[in-house]
Amino acid sequence: MLKRELRINKSGDYKLVYEKGKKFSGRYIIVYIKENNLGHNRFGFVVSKKIGNAVVRNRIKRQLRAIINEEKNRIKGSFDIVIICRHNLEGYTFSLLHKDVMKIFKKAGLN
């Protein structure tokens, strides 16, 4: 679990990241990134109801949180980062999801 200060909690914060942030797309996820002035990164995770039932959605969010927990010290800067799961997840594995996240972070210049 991410510490409270590393999470985006308010819907207004999500909205601000969507409107003013940069968008990067991968095979399995879309990432919105917006600079913040907090001195550390904050993360938010969104999995649409179009993706399976609650068990499946929560599993995907747990996997994304695990990836971020592993990589959070390698991510540079002070950003609000929202990771949105696409609905075409057929055949995905944890390692493919991890590679997709890292590829997008590299494209965005975060590591």
PDB file of N, CA and C in Angstrom:
ATOM      1  N   MET A   1       0.844  -1.177   0.000  1.00  0.00           N
ATOM      2  CA  MET A   1       0.000   0.000   0.000  1.00  0.00           C
ATOM      3  C   MET A   1       0.891   1.242   0.000  1.00  0.00           C
ATOM      4  N   LEU A   2       0.506   2.192  -0.787  1.00  0.00           N
ATOM      5  CA  LEU A   2       1.238   3.459  -0.835  1.00  0.00           C
ATOM      6  C   LEU A   2       0.877   4.311   0.377  1.00  0.00           C
ATOM      7  N   LYS A   3       1.840   5.067   0.871  1.00  0.00           N
ATOM      8  CA  LYS A   3       1.568   5.988   1.976  1.00  0.00           C
ATOM      9  C   LYS A   3       0.540   7.019   1.527  1.00  0.00           C
ATOM     10  N   ARG A   4      -0.165   7.563   2.488  1.00  0.00           N
ATOM     11  CA  ARG A   4      -1.236   8.520   2.198  1.00  0.00           C
ATOM     12  C   ARG A   4      -0.748   9.709   1.379  1.00  0.00           C
ATOM     13  N   GLU A   5       0.445  10.225   1.698  1.00  0.00           N
ATOM     14  CA  GLU A   5       0.938  11.401   0.975  1.00  0.00           C
ATOM     15  C   GLU A   5       1.363  11.073  -0.455  1.00  0.00           C
ATOM     16  N   LEU A   6       1.473   9.790  -0.789  1.00  0.00           N
ATOM     17  CA  LEU A   6       1.848   9.385  -2.152  1.00  0.00           C
ATOM     18  C   LEU A   6       0.633   9.051  -3.018  1.00  0.00           C
ATOM     19  N   ARG A   7      -0.573   9.247  -2.467  1.00  0.00           N
ATOM     20  CA  ARG A   7      -1.786   8.928  -3.215  1.00  0.00           C
ATOM     21  C   ARG A   7      -2.553  10.190  -3.596  1.00  0.00           C
ATOM     22  N   ILE A   8      -3.208  10.141  -4.742  1.00  0.00           N
ATOM     23  CA  ILE A   8      -4.140  11.199  -5.144  1.00  0.00           C
ATOM     24  C   ILE A   8      -5.507  10.750  -4.650  1.00  0.00           C
ATOM     25  N   ASN A   9      -6.135  11.549  -3.796  1.00  0.00           N
ATOM     26  CA  ASN A   9      -7.391  11.136  -3.176  1.00  0.00           C
ATOM     27  C   ASN A   9      -8.602  11.921  -3.659  1.00  0.00           C
ATOM     28  N   LYS A  10      -8.419  13.185  -3.952  1.00  0.00           N
ATOM     29  CA  LYS A  10      -9.566  14.042  -4.248  1.00  0.00           C
ATOM     30  C   LYS A  10      -9.909  14.015  -5.732  1.00  0.00           C
ATOM     31  N   SER A  11     -11.201  14.033  -6.026  1.00  0.00           N
ATOM     32  CA  SER A  11     -11.631  14.011  -7.428  1.00  0.00           C
ATOM     33  C   SER A  11     -11.177  15.266  -8.163  1.00  0.00           C
ATOM     34  N   GLY A  12     -11.072  16.375  -7.459  1.00  0.00           N
ATOM     35  CA  GLY A  12     -10.583  17.608  -8.073  1.00  0.00           C
ATOM     36  C   GLY A  12      -9.140  17.482  -8.536  1.00  0.00           C
ATOM     37  N   ASP A  13      -8.334  16.734  -7.778  1.00  0.00           N
ATOM     38  CA  ASP A  13      -6.941  16.504  -8.169  1.00  0.00           C
ATOM     39  C   ASP A  13      -6.868  15.644  -9.427  1.00  0.00           C
ATOM     40  N   TYR A  14      -7.716  14.624  -9.492  1.00  0.00           N
ATOM     41  CA  TYR A  14      -7.774  13.795 -10.702  1.00  0.00           C
ATOM     42  C   TYR A  14      -8.165  14.651 -11.905  1.00  0.00           C
ATOM     43  N   LYS A  15      -9.189  15.467 -11.718  1.00  0.00           N
ATOM     44  CA  LYS A  15      -9.681  16.314 -12.802  1.00  0.00           C
ATOM     45  C   LYS A  15      -8.591  17.257 -13.304  1.00  0.00           C
ATOM     46  N   LEU A  16      -7.839  17.839 -12.387  1.00  0.00           N
ATOM     47  CA  LEU A  16      -6.749  18.744 -12.746  1.00  0.00           C
ATOM     48  C   LEU A  16      -5.671  18.024 -13.561  1.00  0.00           C
ATOM     49  N   VAL A  17      -5.347  16.802 -13.170  1.00  0.00           N
ATOM     50  CA  VAL A  17      -4.339  16.024 -13.906  1.00  0.00           C
ATOM     51  C   VAL A  17      -4.851  15.705 -15.309  1.00  0.00           C
ATOM     52  N   TYR A  18      -6.134  15.336 -15.428  1.00  0.00           N
ATOM     53  CA  TYR A  18      -6.704  15.035 -16.752  1.00  0.00           C
ATOM     54  C   TYR A  18      -6.684  16.265 -17.652  1.00  0.00           C
ATOM     55  N   GLU A  19      -7.048  17.413 -17.098  1.00  0.00           N
ATOM     56  CA  GLU A  19      -7.180  18.622 -17.914  1.00  0.00           C
ATOM     57  C   GLU A  19      -5.839  19.259 -18.269  1.00  0.00           C
ATOM     58  N   LYS A  20      -4.911  19.299 -17.329  1.00  0.00           N
ATOM     59  CA  LYS A  20      -3.669  20.042 -17.544  1.00  0.00           C
ATOM     60  C   LYS A  20      -2.443  19.161 -17.714  1.00  0.00           C
ATOM     61  N   GLY A  21      -2.601  17.854 -17.525  1.00  0.00           N
ATOM     62  CA  GLY A  21      -1.455  16.960 -17.609  1.00  0.00           C
ATOM     63  C   GLY A  21      -1.183  16.484 -19.025  1.00  0.00           C
ATOM     64  N   LYS A  22      -0.015  15.875 -19.194  1.00  0.00           N
ATOM     65  CA  LYS A  22       0.350  15.280 -20.477  1.00  0.00           C
ATOM     66  C   LYS A  22      -0.097  13.825 -20.483  1.00  0.00           C
ATOM     67  N   LYS A  23      -0.490  13.360 -21.662  1.00  0.00           N
ATOM     68  CA  LYS A  23      -1.027  12.013 -21.803  1.00  0.00           C
ATOM     69  C   LYS A  23      -0.029  11.138 -22.553  1.00  0.00           C
ATOM     70  N   PHE A  24       0.216   9.951 -22.013  1.00  0.00           N
ATOM     71  CA  PHE A  24       1.086   8.968 -22.644  1.00  0.00           C
ATOM     72  C   PHE A  24       0.337   7.642 -22.689  1.00  0.00           C
ATOM     73  N   SER A  25       0.373   6.972 -23.841  1.00  0.00           N
ATOM     74  CA  SER A  25      -0.382   5.736 -24.009  1.00  0.00           C
ATOM     75  C   SER A  25       0.536   4.553 -24.244  1.00  0.00           C
ATOM     76  N   GLY A  26       0.127   3.421 -23.708  1.00  0.00           N
ATOM     77  CA  GLY A  26       0.810   2.163 -23.922  1.00  0.00           C
ATOM     78  C   GLY A  26      -0.194   1.125 -24.381  1.00  0.00           C
ATOM     79  N   ARG A  27       0.243  -0.107 -24.409  1.00  0.00           N
ATOM     80  CA  ARG A  27      -0.637  -1.177 -24.867  1.00  0.00           C
ATOM     81  C   ARG A  27      -1.767  -1.445 -23.870  1.00  0.00           C
ATOM     82  N   TYR A  28      -1.439  -1.426 -22.586  1.00  0.00           N
ATOM     83  CA  TYR A  28      -2.420  -1.774 -21.563  1.00  0.00           C
ATOM     84  C   TYR A  28      -2.898  -0.600 -20.720  1.00  0.00           C
ATOM     85  N   ILE A  29      -2.140   0.487 -20.709  1.00  0.00           N
ATOM     86  CA  ILE A  29      -2.499   1.602 -19.830  1.00  0.00           C
ATOM     87  C   ILE A  29      -2.335   2.947 -20.526  1.00  0.00           C
ATOM     88  N   ILE A  30      -2.976   3.944 -19.941  1.00  0.00           N
ATOM     89  CA  ILE A  30      -2.805   5.345 -20.323  1.00  0.00           C
ATOM     90  C   ILE A  30      -2.343   6.062 -19.056  1.00  0.00           C
ATOM     91  N   VAL A  31      -1.355   6.938 -19.194  1.00  0.00           N
ATOM     92  CA  VAL A  31      -0.822   7.646 -18.033  1.00  0.00           C
ATOM     93  C   VAL A  31      -0.932   9.147 -18.272  1.00  0.00           C
ATOM     94  N   TYR A  32      -1.507   9.847 -17.302  1.00  0.00           N
ATOM     95  CA  TYR A  32      -1.545  11.308 -17.304  1.00  0.00           C
ATOM     96  C   TYR A  32      -0.544  11.787 -16.260  1.00  0.00           C
ATOM     97  N   ILE A  33       0.283  12.760 -16.648  1.00  0.00           N
ATOM     98  CA  ILE A  33       1.322  13.256 -15.757  1.00  0.00           C
ATOM     99  C   ILE A  33       1.257  14.776 -15.702  1.00  0.00           C
ATOM    100  N   LYS A  34       1.212  15.306 -14.480  1.00  0.00           N
ATOM    101  CA  LYS A  34       1.204  16.754 -14.279  1.00  0.00           C
ATOM    102  C   LYS A  34       2.159  17.085 -13.140  1.00  0.00           C
ATOM    103  N   GLU A  35       2.959  18.109 -13.338  1.00  0.00           N
ATOM    104  CA  GLU A  35       3.913  18.517 -12.306  1.00  0.00           C
ATOM    105  C   GLU A  35       3.166  19.078 -11.098  1.00  0.00           C
ATOM    106  N   ASN A  36       3.668  18.762  -9.900  1.00  0.00           N
ATOM    107  CA  ASN A  36       3.108  19.349  -8.683  1.00  0.00           C
ATOM    108  C   ASN A  36       4.222  20.047  -7.909  1.00  0.00           C
ATOM    109  N   ASN A  37       3.879  20.768  -6.882  1.00  0.00           N
ATOM    110  CA  ASN A  37       4.863  21.520  -6.095  1.00  0.00           C
ATOM    111  C   ASN A  37       5.032  20.931  -4.697  1.00  0.00           C
ATOM    112  N   LEU A  38       4.822  19.639  -4.573  1.00  0.00           N
ATOM    113  CA  LEU A  38       4.849  19.011  -3.254  1.00  0.00           C
ATOM    114  C   LEU A  38       6.221  18.458  -2.872  1.00  0.00           C
ATOM    115  N   GLY A  39       7.100  18.289  -3.844  1.00  0.00           N
ATOM    116  CA  GLY A  39       8.412  17.722  -3.557  1.00  0.00           C
ATOM    117  C   GLY A  39       8.459  16.207  -3.638  1.00  0.00           C
ATOM    118  N   HIS A  40       7.327  15.578  -3.939  1.00  0.00           N
ATOM    119  CA  HIS A  40       7.290  14.129  -4.124  1.00  0.00           C
ATOM    120  C   HIS A  40       6.185  13.781  -5.121  1.00  0.00           C
ATOM    121  N   ASN A  41       6.254  12.574  -5.643  1.00  0.00           N
ATOM    122  CA  ASN A  41       5.245  12.109  -6.599  1.00  0.00           C
ATOM    123  C   ASN A  41       4.008  11.615  -5.858  1.00  0.00           C
ATOM    124  N   ARG A  42       2.854  11.773  -6.522  1.00  0.00           N
ATOM    125  CA  ARG A  42       1.605  11.186  -6.033  1.00  0.00           C
ATOM    126  C   ARG A  42       1.023  10.352  -7.155  1.00  0.00           C
ATOM    127  N   PHE A  43       0.359   9.260  -6.805  1.00  0.00           N
ATOM    128  CA  PHE A  43      -0.154   8.329  -7.795  1.00  0.00           C
ATOM    129  C   PHE A  43      -1.645   8.089  -7.596  1.00  0.00           C
ATOM    130  N   GLY A  44      -2.347   7.904  -8.715  1.00  0.00           N
ATOM    131  CA  GLY A  44      -3.747   7.526  -8.698  1.00  0.00           C
ATOM    132  C   GLY A  44      -3.961   6.421  -9.710  1.00  0.00           C
ATOM    133  N   PHE A  45      -4.896   5.532  -9.428  1.00  0.00           N
ATOM    134  CA  PHE A  45      -5.159   4.388 -10.295  1.00  0.00           C
ATOM    135  C   PHE A  45      -6.636   4.347 -10.638  1.00  0.00           C
ATOM    136  N   VAL A  46      -6.934   4.142 -11.924  1.00  0.00           N
ATOM    137  CA  VAL A  46      -8.315   4.089 -12.384  1.00  0.00           C
ATOM    138  C   VAL A  46      -8.486   2.849 -13.247  1.00  0.00           C
ATOM    139  N   VAL A  47      -9.480   2.029 -12.891  1.00  0.00           N
ATOM    140  CA  VAL A  47      -9.818   0.862 -13.697  1.00  0.00           C
ATOM    141  C   VAL A  47     -11.317   0.926 -13.946  1.00  0.00           C
ATOM    142  N   SER A  48     -11.704   1.029 -15.202  1.00  0.00           N
ATOM    143  CA  SER A  48     -13.097   1.209 -15.595  1.00  0.00           C
ATOM    144  C   SER A  48     -13.948  -0.016 -15.268  1.00  0.00           C
ATOM    145  N   LYS A  49     -15.227   0.218 -15.068  1.00  0.00           N
ATOM    146  CA  LYS A  49     -16.163  -0.880 -14.840  1.00  0.00           C
ATOM    147  C   LYS A  49     -16.366  -1.731 -16.086  1.00  0.00           C
ATOM    148  N   LYS A  50     -15.858  -1.262 -17.221  1.00  0.00           N
ATOM    149  CA  LYS A  50     -15.911  -2.060 -18.445  1.00  0.00           C
ATOM    150  C   LYS A  50     -14.994  -3.276 -18.345  1.00  0.00           C
ATOM    151  N   ILE A  51     -14.079  -3.237 -17.392  1.00  0.00           N
ATOM    152  CA  ILE A  51     -13.115  -4.323 -17.223  1.00  0.00           C
ATOM    153  C   ILE A  51     -13.607  -5.248 -16.126  1.00  0.00           C
ATOM    154  N   GLY A  52     -14.154  -6.370 -16.501  1.00  0.00           N
ATOM    155  CA  GLY A  52     -14.511  -7.422 -15.565  1.00  0.00           C
ATOM    156  C   GLY A  52     -15.366  -6.991 -14.393  1.00  0.00           C
ATOM    157  N   ASN A  53     -15.319  -7.826 -13.352  1.00  0.00           N
ATOM    158  CA  ASN A  53     -16.058  -7.511 -12.133  1.00  0.00           C
ATOM    159  C   ASN A  53     -15.110  -6.888 -11.110  1.00  0.00           C
ATOM    160  N   ALA A  54     -15.597  -6.639  -9.912  1.00  0.00           N
ATOM    161  CA  ALA A  54     -14.801  -5.949  -8.894  1.00  0.00           C
ATOM    162  C   ALA A  54     -13.535  -6.721  -8.542  1.00  0.00           C
ATOM    163  N   VAL A  55     -13.610  -8.042  -8.541  1.00  0.00           N
ATOM    164  CA  VAL A  55     -12.445  -8.862  -8.217  1.00  0.00           C
ATOM    165  C   VAL A  55     -11.329  -8.623  -9.230  1.00  0.00           C
ATOM    166  N   VAL A  56     -11.673  -8.608 -10.500  1.00  0.00           N
ATOM    167  CA  VAL A  56     -10.687  -8.394 -11.570  1.00  0.00           C
ATOM    168  C   VAL A  56     -10.120  -6.981 -11.489  1.00  0.00           C
ATOM    169  N   ARG A  57     -10.992  -5.994 -11.317  1.00  0.00           N
ATOM    170  CA  ARG A  57     -10.534  -4.600 -11.251  1.00  0.00           C
ATOM    171  C   ARG A  57      -9.599  -4.377 -10.066  1.00  0.00           C
ATOM    172  N   ASN A  58      -9.954  -4.927  -8.916  1.00  0.00           N
ATOM    173  CA  ASN A  58      -9.111  -4.758  -7.733  1.00  0.00           C
ATOM    174  C   ASN A  58      -7.771  -5.465  -7.890  1.00  0.00           C
ATOM    175  N   ARG A  59      -7.768  -6.624  -8.572  1.00  0.00           N
ATOM    176  CA  ARG A  59      -6.507  -7.323  -8.821  1.00  0.00           C
ATOM    177  C   ARG A  59      -5.581  -6.481  -9.689  1.00  0.00           C
ATOM    178  N   ILE A  60      -6.138  -5.857 -10.711  1.00  0.00           N
ATOM    179  CA  ILE A  60      -5.336  -4.999 -11.591  1.00  0.00           C
ATOM    180  C   ILE A  60      -4.775  -3.817 -10.804  1.00  0.00           C
ATOM    181  N   LYS A  61      -5.604  -3.198  -9.957  1.00  0.00           N
ATOM    182  CA  LYS A  61      -5.126  -2.065  -9.152  1.00  0.00           C
ATOM    183  C   LYS A  61      -4.033  -2.498  -8.178  1.00  0.00           C
ATOM    184  N   ARG A  62      -4.180  -3.680  -7.576  1.00  0.00           N
ATOM    185  CA  ARG A  62      -3.131  -4.192  -6.685  1.00  0.00           C
ATOM    186  C   ARG A  62      -1.829  -4.403  -7.439  1.00  0.00           C
ATOM    187  N   GLN A  63      -1.928  -4.926  -8.659  1.00  0.00           N
ATOM    188  CA  GLN A  63      -0.725  -5.148  -9.460  1.00  0.00           C
ATOM    189  C   GLN A  63      -0.065  -3.823  -9.829  1.00  0.00           C
ATOM    190  N   LEU A  64      -0.863  -2.832 -10.202  1.00  0.00           N
ATOM    191  CA  LEU A  64      -0.303  -1.519 -10.532  1.00  0.00           C
ATOM    192  C   LEU A  64       0.359  -0.886  -9.309  1.00  0.00           C
ATOM    193  N   ARG A  65      -0.272  -1.010  -8.142  1.00  0.00           N
ATOM    194  CA  ARG A  65       0.332  -0.473  -6.916  1.00  0.00           C
ATOM    195  C   ARG A  65       1.647  -1.178  -6.593  1.00  0.00           C
ATOM    196  N   ALA A  66       1.708  -2.492  -6.830  1.00  0.00           N
ATOM    197  CA  ALA A  66       2.944  -3.245  -6.584  1.00  0.00           C
ATOM    198  C   ALA A  66       4.060  -2.761  -7.503  1.00  0.00           C
ATOM    199  N   ILE A  67       3.727  -2.494  -8.757  1.00  0.00           N
ATOM    200  CA  ILE A  67       4.721  -1.979  -9.709  1.00  0.00           C
ATOM    201  C   ILE A  67       5.238  -0.628  -9.230  1.00  0.00           C
ATOM    202  N   ILE A  68       4.334   0.249  -8.826  1.00  0.00           N
ATOM    203  CA  ILE A  68       4.735   1.582  -8.372  1.00  0.00           C
ATOM    204  C   ILE A  68       5.566   1.484  -7.094  1.00  0.00           C
ATOM    205  N   ASN A  69       5.196   0.591  -6.174  1.00  0.00           N
ATOM    206  CA  ASN A  69       5.988   0.415  -4.952  1.00  0.00           C
ATOM    207  C   ASN A  69       7.416  -0.002  -5.267  1.00  0.00           C
ATOM    208  N   GLU A  70       7.587  -0.864  -6.263  1.00  0.00           N
ATOM    209  CA  GLU A  70       8.928  -1.291  -6.677  1.00  0.00           C
ATOM    210  C   GLU A  70       9.717  -0.145  -7.290  1.00  0.00           C
ATOM    211  N   GLU A  71       9.051   0.669  -8.097  1.00  0.00           N
ATOM    212  CA  GLU A  71       9.742   1.647  -8.935  1.00  0.00           C
ATOM    213  C   GLU A  71       9.696   3.080  -8.414  1.00  0.00           C
ATOM    214  N   LYS A  72       9.008   3.342  -7.313  1.00  0.00           N
ATOM    215  CA  LYS A  72       8.779   4.731  -6.888  1.00  0.00           C
ATOM    216  C   LYS A  72      10.064   5.501  -6.599  1.00  0.00           C
ATOM    217  N   ASN A  73      11.113   4.820  -6.157  1.00  0.00           N
ATOM    218  CA  ASN A  73      12.365   5.520  -5.864  1.00  0.00           C
ATOM    219  C   ASN A  73      13.153   5.859  -7.123  1.00  0.00           C
ATOM    220  N   ARG A  74      12.843   5.210  -8.229  1.00  0.00           N
ATOM    221  CA  ARG A  74      13.537   5.478  -9.495  1.00  0.00           C
ATOM    222  C   ARG A  74      12.854   6.568 -10.314  1.00  0.00           C
ATOM    223  N   ILE A  75      11.665   6.968  -9.909  1.00  0.00           N
ATOM    224  CA  ILE A  75      10.914   7.966 -10.667  1.00  0.00           C
ATOM    225  C   ILE A  75      11.346   9.356 -10.215  1.00  0.00           C
ATOM    226  N   LYS A  76      11.841  10.132 -11.161  1.00  0.00           N
ATOM    227  CA  LYS A  76      12.360  11.474 -10.864  1.00  0.00           C
ATOM    228  C   LYS A  76      11.230  12.487 -10.724  1.00  0.00           C
ATOM    229  N   GLY A  77      11.557  13.586 -10.075  1.00  0.00           N
ATOM    230  CA  GLY A  77      10.678  14.744 -10.095  1.00  0.00           C
ATOM    231  C   GLY A  77       9.600  14.745  -9.045  1.00  0.00           C
ATOM    232  N   SER A  78       8.693  15.678  -9.242  1.00  0.00           N
ATOM    233  CA  SER A  78       7.569  15.894  -8.351  1.00  0.00           C
ATOM    234  C   SER A  78       6.317  16.000  -9.219  1.00  0.00           C
ATOM    235  N   PHE A  79       5.635  14.871  -9.407  1.00  0.00           N
ATOM    236  CA  PHE A  79       4.517  14.804 -10.343  1.00  0.00           C
ATOM    237  C   PHE A  79       3.297  14.157  -9.710  1.00  0.00           C
ATOM    238  N   ASP A  80       2.128  14.511 -10.248  1.00  0.00           N
ATOM    239  CA  ASP A  80       0.904  13.760 -10.013  1.00  0.00           C
ATOM    240  C   ASP A  80       0.759  12.836 -11.211  1.00  0.00           C
ATOM    241  N   ILE A  81       0.646  11.543 -10.958  1.00  0.00           N
ATOM    242  CA  ILE A  81       0.613  10.547 -12.022  1.00  0.00           C
ATOM    243  C   ILE A  81      -0.653   9.719 -11.863  1.00  0.00           C
ATOM    244  N   VAL A  82      -1.507   9.720 -12.895  1.00  0.00           N
ATOM    245  CA  VAL A  82      -2.722   8.913 -12.891  1.00  0.00           C
ATOM    246  C   VAL A  82      -2.563   7.824 -13.942  1.00  0.00           C
ATOM    247  N   ILE A  83      -2.718   6.577 -13.510  1.00  0.00           N
ATOM    248  CA  ILE A  83      -2.598   5.431 -14.403  1.00  0.00           C
ATOM    249  C   ILE A  83      -3.995   4.869 -14.633  1.00  0.00           C
ATOM    250  N   ILE A  84      -4.401   4.854 -15.903  1.00  0.00           N
ATOM    251  CA  ILE A  84      -5.724   4.363 -16.284  1.00  0.00           C
ATOM    252  C   ILE A  84      -5.549   3.078 -17.077  1.00  0.00           C
ATOM    253  N   CYS A  85      -6.298   2.068 -16.701  1.00  0.00           N
ATOM    254  CA  CYS A  85      -6.209   0.782 -17.381  1.00  0.00           C
ATOM    255  C   CYS A  85      -7.124   0.778 -18.603  1.00  0.00           C
ATOM    256  N   ARG A  86      -6.592   0.328 -19.723  1.00  0.00           N
ATOM    257  CA  ARG A  86      -7.416   0.187 -20.925  1.00  0.00           C
ATOM    258  C   ARG A  86      -8.296  -1.050 -20.791  1.00  0.00           C
ATOM    259  N   HIS A  87      -9.332  -1.122 -21.611  1.00  0.00           N
ATOM    260  CA  HIS A  87     -10.235  -2.262 -21.513  1.00  0.00           C
ATOM    261  C   HIS A  87      -9.852  -3.423 -22.425  1.00  0.00           C
ATOM    262  N   ASN A  88      -8.698  -3.359 -23.091  1.00  0.00           N
ATOM    263  CA  ASN A  88      -8.268  -4.477 -23.934  1.00  0.00           C
ATOM    264  C   ASN A  88      -7.148  -5.248 -23.242  1.00  0.00           C
ATOM    265  N   LEU A  89      -7.463  -5.860 -22.116  1.00  0.00           N
ATOM    266  CA  LEU A  89      -6.449  -6.536 -21.314  1.00  0.00           C
ATOM    267  C   LEU A  89      -6.364  -8.034 -21.570  1.00  0.00           C
ATOM    268  N   GLU A  90      -6.939  -8.520 -22.647  1.00  0.00           N
ATOM    269  CA  GLU A  90      -6.892  -9.954 -22.902  1.00  0.00           C
ATOM    270  C   GLU A  90      -5.446 -10.415 -23.014  1.00  0.00           C
ATOM    271  N   GLY A  91      -5.117 -11.443 -22.283  1.00  0.00           N
ATOM    272  CA  GLY A  91      -3.795 -12.035 -22.380  1.00  0.00           C
ATOM    273  C   GLY A  91      -2.692 -11.283 -21.663  1.00  0.00           C
ATOM    274  N   TYR A  92      -3.033 -10.336 -20.802  1.00  0.00           N
ATOM    275  CA  TYR A  92      -1.977  -9.591 -20.117  1.00  0.00           C
ATOM    276  C   TYR A  92      -1.438 -10.422 -18.953  1.00  0.00           C
ATOM    277  N   THR A  93      -0.196 -10.179 -18.616  1.00  0.00           N
ATOM    278  CA  THR A  93       0.415 -10.772 -17.428  1.00  0.00           C
ATOM    279  C   THR A  93       1.032  -9.636 -16.614  1.00  0.00           C
ATOM    280  N   PHE A  94       1.407  -9.954 -15.387  1.00  0.00           N
ATOM    281  CA  PHE A  94       2.016  -8.939 -14.529  1.00  0.00           C
ATOM    282  C   PHE A  94       3.285  -8.390 -15.163  1.00  0.00           C
ATOM    283  N   SER A  95       4.093  -9.266 -15.740  1.00  0.00           N
ATOM    284  CA  SER A  95       5.362  -8.804 -16.328  1.00  0.00           C
ATOM    285  C   SER A  95       5.119  -7.911 -17.539  1.00  0.00           C
ATOM    286  N   LEU A  96       4.107  -8.214 -18.354  1.00  0.00           N
ATOM    287  CA  LEU A  96       3.780  -7.349 -19.498  1.00  0.00           C
ATOM    288  C   LEU A  96       3.278  -5.988 -19.024  1.00  0.00           C
ATOM    289  N   LEU A  97       2.476  -5.989 -17.979  1.00  0.00           N
ATOM    290  CA  LEU A  97       1.971  -4.741 -17.411  1.00  0.00           C
ATOM    291  C   LEU A  97       3.130  -3.910 -16.851  1.00  0.00           C
ATOM    292  N   HIS A  98       4.055  -4.574 -16.171  1.00  0.00           N
ATOM    293  CA  HIS A  98       5.230  -3.896 -15.609  1.00  0.00           C
ATOM    294  C   HIS A  98       6.068  -3.268 -16.718  1.00  0.00           C
ATOM    295  N   LYS A  99       6.305  -4.009 -17.792  1.00  0.00           N
ATOM    296  CA  LYS A  99       7.082  -3.483 -18.922  1.00  0.00           C
ATOM    297  C   LYS A  99       6.385  -2.289 -19.558  1.00  0.00           C
ATOM    298  N   ASP A 100       5.061  -2.363 -19.677  1.00  0.00           N
ATOM    299  CA  ASP A 100       4.288  -1.272 -20.272  1.00  0.00           C
ATOM    300  C   ASP A 100       4.399  -0.002 -19.425  1.00  0.00           C
ATOM    301  N   VAL A 101       4.278  -0.152 -18.110  1.00  0.00           N
ATOM    302  CA  VAL A 101       4.396   0.999 -17.207  1.00  0.00           C
ATOM    303  C   VAL A 101       5.780   1.624 -17.333  1.00  0.00           C
ATOM    304  N   MET A 102       6.818   0.803 -17.302  1.00  0.00           N
ATOM    305  CA  MET A 102       8.184   1.326 -17.362  1.00  0.00           C
ATOM    306  C   MET A 102       8.483   1.965 -18.719  1.00  0.00           C
ATOM    307  N   LYS A 103       7.938   1.406 -19.778  1.00  0.00           N
ATOM    308  CA  LYS A 103       8.120   1.977 -21.122  1.00  0.00           C
ATOM    309  C   LYS A 103       7.503   3.375 -21.193  1.00  0.00           C
ATOM    310  N   ILE A 104       6.317   3.526 -20.630  1.00  0.00           N
ATOM    311  CA  ILE A 104       5.649   4.833 -20.640  1.00  0.00           C
ATOM    312  C   ILE A 104       6.404   5.829 -19.761  1.00  0.00           C
ATOM    313  N   PHE A 105       6.873   5.395 -18.594  1.00  0.00           N
ATOM    314  CA  PHE A 105       7.639   6.291 -17.726  1.00  0.00           C
ATOM    315  C   PHE A 105       8.921   6.744 -18.414  1.00  0.00           C
ATOM    316  N   LYS A 106       9.544   5.845 -19.158  1.00  0.00           N
ATOM    317  CA  LYS A 106      10.758   6.219 -19.895  1.00  0.00           C
ATOM    318  C   LYS A 106      10.422   7.224 -20.993  1.00  0.00           C
ATOM    319  N   LYS A 107       9.313   6.978 -21.704  1.00  0.00           N
ATOM    320  CA  LYS A 107       8.867   7.893 -22.762  1.00  0.00           C
ATOM    321  C   LYS A 107       8.559   9.279 -22.188  1.00  0.00           C
ATOM    322  N   ALA A 108       8.022   9.305 -20.981  1.00  0.00           N
ATOM    323  CA  ALA A 108       7.667  10.570 -20.334  1.00  0.00           C
ATOM    324  C   ALA A 108       8.874  11.244 -19.682  1.00  0.00           C
ATOM    325  N   GLY A 109       9.999  10.542 -19.624  1.00  0.00           N
ATOM    326  CA  GLY A 109      11.205  11.111 -19.034  1.00  0.00           C
ATOM    327  C   GLY A 109      11.216  11.081 -17.515  1.00  0.00           C
ATOM    328  N   LEU A 110      10.518  10.114 -16.929  1.00  0.00           N
ATOM    329  CA  LEU A 110      10.438  10.039 -15.471  1.00  0.00           C
ATOM    330  C   LEU A 110      11.545   9.209 -14.844  1.00  0.00           C
ATOM    331  N   ASN A 111      12.230   8.374 -15.639  1.00  0.00           N
ATOM    332  CA  ASN A 111      13.335   7.596 -15.055  1.00  0.00           C
ATOM    333  C   ASN A 111      14.504   7.512 -15.987  1.00  0.00           C
TER     334      ASN A 111
END
